[in-house]
PDB file of N, CA and C in Angstrom:
ATOM      1  N   MET A   1     170.997  89.592 123.315  1.00  0.00           N
ATOM      2  CA  MET A   1     169.902  90.750 123.291  1.00  0.00           C
ATOM      3  C   MET A   1     170.770  92.149 123.375  1.00  0.00           C
ATOM      4  N   VAL A   2     170.324  92.914 122.300  1.00  0.00           N
ATOM      5  CA  VAL A   2     171.054  94.297 122.473  1.00  0.00           C
ATOM      6  C   VAL A   2     170.138  95.423 123.204  1.00  0.00           C
ATOM      7  N   LYS A   3     170.770  96.026 123.920  1.00  0.00           N
ATOM      8  CA  LYS A   3     170.114  96.794 124.850  1.00  0.00           C
ATOM      9  C   LYS A   3     170.196  98.151 124.013  1.00  0.00           C
ATOM     10  N   LYS A   4     169.047  98.712 123.997  1.00  0.00           N
ATOM     11  CA  LYS A   4     168.526 100.013 123.087  1.00  0.00           C
ATOM     12  C   LYS A   4     169.209 101.030 124.284  1.00  0.00           C
ATOM     13  N   ARG A   5     169.653 102.263 123.699  1.00  0.00           N
ATOM     14  CA  ARG A   5     170.067 103.384 124.572  1.00  0.00           C
ATOM     15  C   ARG A   5     169.038 104.449 124.336  1.00  0.00           C
ATOM     16  N   ARG A   6     168.623 104.854 125.196  1.00  0.00           N
ATOM     17  CA  ARG A   6     167.487 106.078 125.216  1.00  0.00           C
ATOM     18  C   ARG A   6     168.166 107.150 124.806  1.00  0.00           C
ATOM     19  N   LYS A   7     167.324 107.883 123.871  1.00  0.00           N
ATOM     20  CA  LYS A   7     167.892 109.338 123.348  1.00  0.00           C
ATOM     21  C   LYS A   7     167.634 110.279 124.387  1.00  0.00           C
ATOM     22  N   ARG A   8     168.412 110.898 124.927  1.00  0.00           N
ATOM     23  CA  ARG A   8     168.388 111.808 125.983  1.00  0.00           C
ATOM     24  C   ARG A   8     168.661 113.234 125.456  1.00  0.00           C
ATOM     25  N   THR A   9     167.740 114.237 125.899  1.00  0.00           N
ATOM     26  CA  THR A   9     167.809 115.718 125.319  1.00  0.00           C
ATOM     27  C   THR A   9     168.138 116.480 126.448  1.00  0.00           C
ATOM     28  N   ILE A  10     169.015 117.177 126.497  1.00  0.00           N
ATOM     29  CA  ILE A  10     169.405 118.394 127.366  1.00  0.00           C
ATOM     30  C   ILE A  10     168.771 119.561 127.084  1.00  0.00           C
ATOM     31  N   GLN A  11     167.840 120.096 128.105  1.00  0.00           N
ATOM     32  CA  GLN A  11     167.064 121.091 128.153  1.00  0.00           C
ATOM     33  C   GLN A  11     167.997 122.483 128.389  1.00  0.00           C
ATOM     34  N   THR A  12     167.988 123.424 127.416  1.00  0.00           N
ATOM     35  CA  THR A  12     168.652 124.760 127.675  1.00  0.00           C
ATOM     36  C   THR A  12     167.532 125.842 128.240  1.00  0.00           C
ATOM     37  N   LEU A  13     166.361 125.507 128.055  1.00  0.00           N
ATOM     38  CA  LEU A  13     165.386 126.333 128.746  1.00  0.00           C
ATOM     39  C   LEU A  13     164.686 125.713 129.805  1.00  0.00           C
ATOM     40  N   SER A  14     164.015 126.612 130.814  1.00  0.00           N
ATOM     41  CA  SER A  14     163.468 126.074 131.619  1.00  0.00           C
ATOM     42  C   SER A  14     162.000 125.780 131.240  1.00  0.00           C
ATOM     43  N   LEU A  15     161.329 124.897 131.958  1.00  0.00           N
ATOM     44  CA  LEU A  15     160.108 124.487 131.535  1.00  0.00           C
ATOM     45  C   LEU A  15     159.147 125.647 131.472  1.00  0.00           C
ATOM     46  N   THR A  16     159.158 126.564 132.469  1.00  0.00           N
ATOM     47  CA  THR A  16     158.509 127.867 132.177  1.00  0.00           C
ATOM     48  C   THR A  16     158.570 128.405 130.867  1.00  0.00           C
ATOM     49  N   ALA A  17     159.841 128.765 130.488  1.00  0.00           N
ATOM     50  CA  ALA A  17     160.334 129.266 129.301  1.00  0.00           C
ATOM     51  C   ALA A  17     159.653 128.420 127.791  1.00  0.00           C
ATOM     52  N   ARG A  18     159.801 127.353 128.208  1.00  0.00           N
ATOM     53  CA  ARG A  18     159.312 126.401 126.880  1.00  0.00           C
ATOM     54  C   ARG A  18     157.779 126.316 127.013  1.00  0.00           C
ATOM     55  N   LEU A  19     157.348 126.267 128.070  1.00  0.00           N
ATOM     56  CA  LEU A  19     155.721 126.455 127.824  1.00  0.00           C
ATOM     57  C   LEU A  19     155.211 127.607 127.377  1.00  0.00           C
ATOM     58  N   ASP A  20     155.874 128.717 127.824  1.00  0.00           N
ATOM     59  CA  ASP A  20     155.573 130.175 127.558  1.00  0.00           C
ATOM     60  C   ASP A  20     155.701 130.141 125.899  1.00  0.00           C
ATOM     61  N   ARG A  21     156.657 129.880 125.389  1.00  0.00           N
ATOM     62  CA  ARG A  21     157.169 129.967 123.794  1.00  0.00           C
ATOM     63  C   ARG A  21     156.192 128.949 123.000  1.00  0.00           C
ATOM     64  N   LEU A  22     155.547 127.871 123.732  1.00  0.00           N
ATOM     65  CA  LEU A  22     154.483 126.952 122.972  1.00  0.00           C
ATOM     66  C   LEU A  22     153.300 127.684 123.004  1.00  0.00           C
ATOM     67  N   ALA A  23     152.970 128.457 123.962  1.00  0.00           N
ATOM     68  CA  ALA A  23     151.555 129.150 124.064  1.00  0.00           C
ATOM     69  C   ALA A  23     151.701 130.393 123.202  1.00  0.00           C
ATOM     70  N   GLN A  24     152.884 131.094 122.984  1.00  0.00           N
ATOM     71  CA  GLN A  24     152.793 132.091 122.209  1.00  0.00           C
ATOM     72  C   GLN A  24     152.915 131.589 120.513  1.00  0.00           C
ATOM     73  N   GLU A  25     153.341 130.437 120.284  1.00  0.00           N
ATOM     74  CA  GLU A  25     153.639 130.053 118.989  1.00  0.00           C
ATOM     75  C   GLU A  25     152.360 129.574 118.678  1.00  0.00           C
ATOM     76  N   SER A  26     151.503 128.921 119.462  1.00  0.00           N
ATOM     77  CA  SER A  26     150.161 128.377 119.354  1.00  0.00           C
ATOM     78  C   SER A  26     149.182 129.505 118.963  1.00  0.00           C
ATOM     79  N   ARG A  27     149.168 130.442 119.669  1.00  0.00           N
ATOM     80  CA  ARG A  27     148.377 131.635 119.360  1.00  0.00           C
ATOM     81  C   ARG A  27     148.701 132.288 118.280  1.00  0.00           C
ATOM     82  N   ALA A  28     149.799 132.496 117.990  1.00  0.00           N
ATOM     83  CA  ALA A  28     150.207 133.131 116.727  1.00  0.00           C
ATOM     84  C   ALA A  28     149.705 132.283 115.469  1.00  0.00           C
ATOM     85  N   LYS A  29     149.972 131.094 115.599  1.00  0.00           N
ATOM     86  CA  LYS A  29     149.554 130.067 114.582  1.00  0.00           C
ATOM     87  C   LYS A  29     147.980 130.320 114.429  1.00  0.00           C
ATOM     88  N   ALA A  30     147.174 130.239 115.492  1.00  0.00           N
ATOM     89  CA  ALA A  30     145.908 130.414 115.509  1.00  0.00           C
ATOM     90  C   ALA A  30     145.512 131.611 114.978  1.00  0.00           C
ATOM     91  N   ALA A  31     146.022 132.617 115.110  1.00  0.00           N
ATOM     92  CA  ALA A  31     145.576 133.982 114.524  1.00  0.00           C
ATOM     93  C   ALA A  31     145.542 134.226 113.026  1.00  0.00           C
ATOM     94  N   GLY A  32     146.385 133.196 112.338  1.00  0.00           N
ATOM     95  CA  GLY A  32     146.246 133.430 110.997  1.00  0.00           C
ATOM     96  C   GLY A  32     145.328 132.136 110.274  1.00  0.00           C
ATOM     97  N   LEU A  33     144.629 131.432 111.026  1.00  0.00           N
ATOM     98  CA  LEU A  33     143.628 130.602 110.577  1.00  0.00           C
ATOM     99  C   LEU A  33     142.251 131.059 110.803  1.00  0.00           C
ATOM    100  N   PRO A  34     141.467 130.474 109.939  1.00  0.00           N
ATOM    101  CA  PRO A  34     139.916 130.718 109.853  1.00  0.00           C
ATOM    102  C   PRO A  34     139.322 129.953 111.038  1.00  0.00           C
ATOM    103  N   PRO A  35     138.159 130.214 111.631  1.00  0.00           N
ATOM    104  CA  PRO A  35     137.348 129.625 112.516  1.00  0.00           C
ATOM    105  C   PRO A  35     137.225 128.366 112.269  1.00  0.00           C
ATOM    106  N   GLY A  36     137.652 127.288 113.041  1.00  0.00           N
ATOM    107  CA  GLY A  36     137.539 125.775 112.660  1.00  0.00           C
ATOM    108  C   GLY A  36     138.237 124.833 113.713  1.00  0.00           C
ATOM    109  N   ALA A  37     138.260 123.739 113.390  1.00  0.00           N
ATOM    110  CA  ALA A  37     138.771 122.643 114.277  1.00  0.00           C
ATOM    111  C   ALA A  37     140.238 123.067 114.617  1.00  0.00           C
ATOM    112  N   GLU A  38     141.041 123.198 113.679  1.00  0.00           N
ATOM    113  CA  GLU A  38     142.520 123.351 113.969  1.00  0.00           C
ATOM    114  C   GLU A  38     142.756 124.577 114.762  1.00  0.00           C
ATOM    115  N   ARG A  39     142.061 125.590 114.696  1.00  0.00           N
ATOM    116  CA  ARG A  39     142.253 126.771 115.289  1.00  0.00           C
ATOM    117  C   ARG A  39     141.949 126.709 116.768  1.00  0.00           C
ATOM    118  N   GLU A  40     140.860 125.979 117.086  1.00  0.00           N
ATOM    119  CA  GLU A  40     140.513 125.620 118.563  1.00  0.00           C
ATOM    120  C   GLU A  40     141.557 124.861 119.061  1.00  0.00           C
ATOM    121  N   HIS A  41     141.992 123.728 118.303  1.00  0.00           N
ATOM    122  CA  HIS A  41     143.103 122.922 118.912  1.00  0.00           C
ATOM    123  C   HIS A  41     144.206 123.908 119.246  1.00  0.00           C
ATOM    124  N   LEU A  42     144.680 124.650 118.378  1.00  0.00           N
ATOM    125  CA  LEU A  42     145.801 125.433 118.832  1.00  0.00           C
ATOM    126  C   LEU A  42     145.528 126.299 120.149  1.00  0.00           C
ATOM    127  N   LEU A  43     144.424 127.032 120.065  1.00  0.00           N
ATOM    128  CA  LEU A  43     143.906 127.942 121.188  1.00  0.00           C
ATOM    129  C   LEU A  43     143.862 127.018 122.606  1.00  0.00           C
ATOM    130  N   LYS A  44     143.351 125.816 122.550  1.00  0.00           N
ATOM    131  CA  LYS A  44     143.329 124.844 123.586  1.00  0.00           C
ATOM    132  C   LYS A  44     144.735 124.458 123.817  1.00  0.00           C
ATOM    133  N   LYS A  45     145.672 124.253 123.300  1.00  0.00           N
ATOM    134  CA  LYS A  45     147.069 123.920 123.447  1.00  0.00           C
ATOM    135  C   LYS A  45     147.489 125.420 124.051  1.00  0.00           C
ATOM    136  N   ALA A  46     147.463 126.407 123.568  1.00  0.00           N
ATOM    137  CA  ALA A  46     147.857 127.737 124.341  1.00  0.00           C
ATOM    138  C   ALA A  46     147.455 127.779 125.790  1.00  0.00           C
ATOM    139  N   ARG A  47     146.042 127.418 126.039  1.00  0.00           N
ATOM    140  CA  ARG A  47     145.665 127.683 127.097  1.00  0.00           C
ATOM    141  C   ARG A  47     146.110 126.693 128.295  1.00  0.00           C
ATOM    142  N   GLU A  48     146.328 125.464 127.625  1.00  0.00           N
ATOM    143  CA  GLU A  48     146.911 124.364 128.571  1.00  0.00           C
ATOM    144  C   GLU A  48     148.370 124.910 129.004  1.00  0.00           C
ATOM    145  N   ALA A  49     149.056 125.407 128.142  1.00  0.00           N
ATOM    146  CA  ALA A  49     150.517 125.582 128.335  1.00  0.00           C
ATOM    147  C   ALA A  49     150.392 126.540 129.556  1.00  0.00           C
ATOM    148  N   ARG A  50     149.468 127.662 129.346  1.00  0.00           N
ATOM    149  CA  ARG A  50     149.731 128.835 130.356  1.00  0.00           C
ATOM    150  C   ARG A  50     148.842 128.288 131.654  1.00  0.00           C
ATOM    151  N   ARG A  51     148.001 127.222 131.682  1.00  0.00           N
ATOM    152  CA  ARG A  51     147.680 126.657 133.060  1.00  0.00           C
ATOM    153  C   ARG A  51     148.798 126.048 133.774  1.00  0.00           C
ATOM    154  N   ALA A  52     149.616 125.423 132.843  1.00  0.00           N
ATOM    155  CA  ALA A  52     150.649 124.394 133.330  1.00  0.00           C
ATOM    156  C   ALA A  52     151.642 125.388 133.822  1.00  0.00           C
ATOM    157  N   ILE A  53     151.828 126.694 133.160  1.00  0.00           N
ATOM    158  CA  ILE A  53     152.788 127.839 133.919  1.00  0.00           C
ATOM    159  C   ILE A  53     152.128 128.223 135.444  1.00  0.00           C
ATOM    160  N   GLU A  54     150.899 128.366 135.373  1.00  0.00           N
ATOM    161  CA  GLU A  54     150.356 128.770 136.441  1.00  0.00           C
ATOM    162  C   GLU A  54     150.357 127.837 137.801  1.00  0.00           C
ATOM    163  N   ILE A  55     150.334 126.672 137.413  1.00  0.00           N
ATOM    164  CA  ILE A  55     150.385 125.438 138.487  1.00  0.00           C
ATOM    165  C   ILE A  55     151.744 125.302 138.812  1.00  0.00           C
ATOM    166  N   GLU A  56     152.751 125.676 138.113  1.00  0.00           N
ATOM    167  CA  GLU A  56     154.209 125.466 138.298  1.00  0.00           C
ATOM    168  C   GLU A  56     154.549 126.574 139.293  1.00  0.00           C
ATOM    169  N   ASP A  57     154.073 127.653 139.097  1.00  0.00           N
ATOM    170  CA  ASP A  57     154.112 128.951 139.960  1.00  0.00           C
ATOM    171  C   ASP A  57     153.602 128.789 141.160  1.00  0.00           C
ATOM    172  N   LEU A  58     152.445 128.322 141.296  1.00  0.00           N
ATOM    173  CA  LEU A  58     151.795 127.995 142.600  1.00  0.00           C
ATOM    174  C   LEU A  58     152.485 126.892 143.276  1.00  0.00           C
ATOM    175  N   LEU A  59     152.924 125.933 142.740  1.00  0.00           N
ATOM    176  CA  LEU A  59     153.911 125.048 143.505  1.00  0.00           C
ATOM    177  C   LEU A  59     155.160 125.553 144.202  1.00  0.00           C
ATOM    178  N   LYS A  60     155.673 126.579 143.248  1.00  0.00           N
ATOM    179  CA  LYS A  60     156.892 127.087 143.825  1.00  0.00           C
ATOM    180  C   LYS A  60     156.614 128.065 144.934  1.00  0.00           C
ATOM    181  N   LEU A  61     155.455 128.753 144.915  1.00  0.00           N
ATOM    182  CA  LEU A  61     154.977 129.601 146.039  1.00  0.00           C
ATOM    183  C   LEU A  61     154.840 128.820 147.176  1.00  0.00           C
ATOM    184  N   ARG A  62     154.406 127.596 147.214  1.00  0.00           N
ATOM    185  CA  ARG A  62     154.023 126.697 148.568  1.00  0.00           C
ATOM    186  C   ARG A  62     155.408 125.942 148.781  1.00  0.00           C
ATOM    187  N   GLY A  63     156.465 126.265 148.137  1.00  0.00           N
ATOM    188  CA  GLY A  63     157.773 125.679 148.745  1.00  0.00           C
ATOM    189  C   GLY A  63     157.983 123.991 148.072  1.00  0.00           C
ATOM    190  N   ILE A  64     157.062 123.791 147.416  1.00  0.00           N
ATOM    191  CA  ILE A  64     157.114 122.415 146.736  1.00  0.00           C
ATOM    192  C   ILE A  64     158.185 122.183 145.799  1.00  0.00           C
ATOM    193  N   GLU A  65     159.206 121.437 146.087  1.00  0.00           N
ATOM    194  CA  GLU A  65     160.387 121.107 144.961  1.00  0.00           C
ATOM    195  C   GLU A  65     159.675 120.300 143.826  1.00  0.00           C
ATOM    196  N   LEU A  66     159.970 120.853 142.587  1.00  0.00           N
ATOM    197  CA  LEU A  66     159.695 120.036 141.413  1.00  0.00           C
ATOM    198  C   LEU A  66     160.991 119.172 140.885  1.00  0.00           C
ATOM    199  N   PRO A  67     160.416 118.029 140.363  1.00  0.00           N
ATOM    200  CA  PRO A  67     161.978 116.932 139.752  1.00  0.00           C
ATOM    201  C   PRO A  67     162.269 117.851 138.616  1.00  0.00           C
ATOM    202  N   VAL A  68     163.647 117.603 138.572  1.00  0.00           N
ATOM    203  CA  VAL A  68     164.391 118.382 137.373  1.00  0.00           C
ATOM    204  C   VAL A  68     164.430 117.351 136.137  1.00  0.00           C
TER     205      VAL A  68
END
């Protein structure tokens, strides 16, 4: 039996920076689309990324360590 190796990615940006970039890119793409399902999906994605940033900030304020 051959054991598969996991493909690992080393992140160069923090989670907050990646989420912020995702939110900005999603909003920019949504701005160029007419109203519809695809636009709503992109806006939802941006809102979820912003909420994740807020949750991470809240956890940091409370002194809870996040896994790396």
